[in-house]
Amino acid sequence: MRMLKAGKRVKDIGKHFKVSDASVSKSISNAKNKIVNLEDDIEFLIDIGFMTILNNEIEFISESRDPKALAREK
């Protein structure tokens, strides 16, 4: 992703890592999918009251950072 951000083409990245263009493209797609999943996970954790985001900082409601601990604390 850093190389993409720096303006490198998929072909250049593939050459750098000695992998096919298809492998680079697949890795980019996988990373994008993980970001979408991460956004969903964060939204869920906020919805259940496990965490909040204030002033661009994540604050966990439970000190253990374990969602199961939230149920034990109630």
C-alpha atoms as a PDB file:
ATOM      1  CA  MET A   1       0.000   0.000   0.000  1.00  0.00           C
ATOM      2  CA  ARG A   2       2.900   2.336   0.704  1.00  0.00           C
ATOM      3  CA  MET A   3       4.195   1.726  -2.786  1.00  0.00           C
ATOM      4  CA  LEU A   4       0.769   2.440  -4.286  1.00  0.00           C
ATOM      5  CA  LYS A   5       0.561   5.611  -2.241  1.00  0.00           C
ATOM      6  CA  ALA A   6       3.992   6.574  -3.569  1.00  0.00           C
ATOM      7  CA  GLY A   7       2.622   6.243  -7.101  1.00  0.00           C
ATOM      8  CA  LYS A   8       4.065   2.863  -8.038  1.00  0.00           C
ATOM      9  CA  ARG A   9       2.143   0.785 -10.561  1.00  0.00           C
ATOM     10  CA  VAL A  10       1.008  -2.771  -9.888  1.00  0.00           C
ATOM     11  CA  LYS A  11       3.556  -3.964 -12.440  1.00  0.00           C
ATOM     12  CA  ASP A  12       6.391  -2.158 -10.617  1.00  0.00           C
ATOM     13  CA  ILE A  13       5.316  -3.578  -7.269  1.00  0.00           C
ATOM     14  CA  GLY A  14       5.203  -7.081  -8.733  1.00  0.00           C
ATOM     15  CA  LYS A  15       8.720  -6.712 -10.095  1.00  0.00           C
ATOM     16  CA  HIS A  16       9.964  -5.374  -6.750  1.00  0.00           C
ATOM     17  CA  PHE A  17       8.588  -8.376  -4.846  1.00  0.00           C
ATOM     18  CA  LYS A  18       9.198 -10.844  -7.685  1.00  0.00           C
ATOM     19  CA  VAL A  19       5.529 -11.838  -7.899  1.00  0.00           C
ATOM     20  CA  SER A  20       2.941 -11.639 -10.657  1.00  0.00           C
ATOM     21  CA  ASP A  21       0.770  -8.606 -11.296  1.00  0.00           C
ATOM     22  CA  ALA A  22      -2.217 -10.811 -10.452  1.00  0.00           C
ATOM     23  CA  SER A  23      -0.754 -11.553  -7.010  1.00  0.00           C
ATOM     24  CA  VAL A  24      -0.286  -7.862  -6.318  1.00  0.00           C
ATOM     25  CA  SER A  25      -3.816  -7.067  -7.487  1.00  0.00           C
ATOM     26  CA  LYS A  26      -5.258  -9.855  -5.335  1.00  0.00           C
ATOM     27  CA  SER A  27      -3.334  -8.577  -2.304  1.00  0.00           C
ATOM     28  CA  ILE A  28      -4.697  -5.078  -2.872  1.00  0.00           C
ATOM     29  CA  SER A  29      -8.249  -6.445  -3.104  1.00  0.00           C
ATOM     30  CA  ASN A  30      -7.753  -8.481   0.075  1.00  0.00           C
ATOM     31  CA  ALA A  31      -6.491  -5.408   1.946  1.00  0.00           C
ATOM     32  CA  LYS A  32      -9.476  -3.350   0.793  1.00  0.00           C
ATOM     33  CA  ASN A  33     -11.860  -6.103   1.949  1.00  0.00           C
ATOM     34  CA  LYS A  34     -10.182  -6.210   5.364  1.00  0.00           C
ATOM     35  CA  ILE A  35     -10.655  -2.466   5.714  1.00  0.00           C
ATOM     36  CA  VAL A  36     -14.377  -2.798   4.969  1.00  0.00           C
ATOM     37  CA  ASN A  37     -14.637  -5.634   7.498  1.00  0.00           C
ATOM     38  CA  LEU A  38     -12.726  -3.579  10.060  1.00  0.00           C
ATOM     39  CA  GLU A  39     -15.139  -0.681   9.619  1.00  0.00           C
ATOM     40  CA  ASP A  40     -18.058  -3.062  10.193  1.00  0.00           C
ATOM     41  CA  ASP A  41     -16.384  -4.525  13.280  1.00  0.00           C
ATOM     42  CA  ILE A  42     -15.733  -1.078  14.751  1.00  0.00           C
ATOM     43  CA  GLU A  43     -19.330  -0.035  14.101  1.00  0.00           C
ATOM     44  CA  PHE A  44     -20.554  -3.204  15.836  1.00  0.00           C
ATOM     45  CA  LEU A  45     -18.301  -2.649  18.878  1.00  0.00           C
ATOM     46  CA  ILE A  46     -19.586   0.910  19.190  1.00  0.00           C
ATOM     47  CA  ASP A  47     -23.202  -0.286  18.823  1.00  0.00           C
ATOM     48  CA  ILE A  48     -22.851  -2.797  21.676  1.00  0.00           C
ATOM     49  CA  GLY A  49     -21.215  -0.186  23.892  1.00  0.00           C
ATOM     50  CA  PHE A  50     -17.818  -1.866  24.027  1.00  0.00           C
ATOM     51  CA  MET A  51     -15.908   1.105  22.699  1.00  0.00           C
ATOM     52  CA  THR A  52     -16.334   4.686  21.629  1.00  0.00           C
ATOM     53  CA  ILE A  53     -14.332   7.139  19.583  1.00  0.00           C
ATOM     54  CA  LEU A  54     -13.836  10.584  21.080  1.00  0.00           C
ATOM     55  CA  ASN A  55     -11.557  13.226  19.585  1.00  0.00           C
ATOM     56  CA  ASN A  56     -10.218  10.639  17.097  1.00  0.00           C
ATOM     57  CA  GLU A  57      -9.146   8.377  19.971  1.00  0.00           C
ATOM     58  CA  ILE A  58     -10.493   4.909  20.672  1.00  0.00           C
ATOM     59  CA  GLU A  59     -11.734   4.464  24.214  1.00  0.00           C
ATOM     60  CA  PHE A  60     -12.567   0.986  25.465  1.00  0.00           C
ATOM     61  CA  ILE A  61     -15.365   0.688  27.988  1.00  0.00           C
ATOM     62  CA  SER A  62     -13.803  -2.469  29.438  1.00  0.00           C
ATOM     63  CA  GLU A  63     -10.197  -2.194  30.572  1.00  0.00           C
ATOM     64  CA  SER A  64      -9.527  -5.796  29.535  1.00  0.00           C
ATOM     65  CA  ARG A  65     -10.434  -4.979  25.894  1.00  0.00           C
ATOM     66  CA  ASP A  66     -12.326  -8.269  25.827  1.00  0.00           C
ATOM     67  CA  PRO A  67     -15.947  -7.922  24.619  1.00  0.00           C
ATOM     68  CA  LYS A  68     -16.935 -10.829  26.891  1.00  0.00           C
ATOM     69  CA  ALA A  69     -15.724  -8.811  29.874  1.00  0.00           C
ATOM     70  CA  LEU A  70     -18.351  -6.170  29.118  1.00  0.00           C
ATOM     71  CA  ALA A  71     -21.099  -8.680  30.000  1.00  0.00           C
ATOM     72  CA  ARG A  72     -19.289  -9.678  33.196  1.00  0.00           C
ATOM     73  CA  GLU A  73     -18.980  -6.041  34.303  1.00  0.00           C
ATOM     74  CA  LYS A  74     -22.746  -5.361  34.122  1.00  0.00           C
END
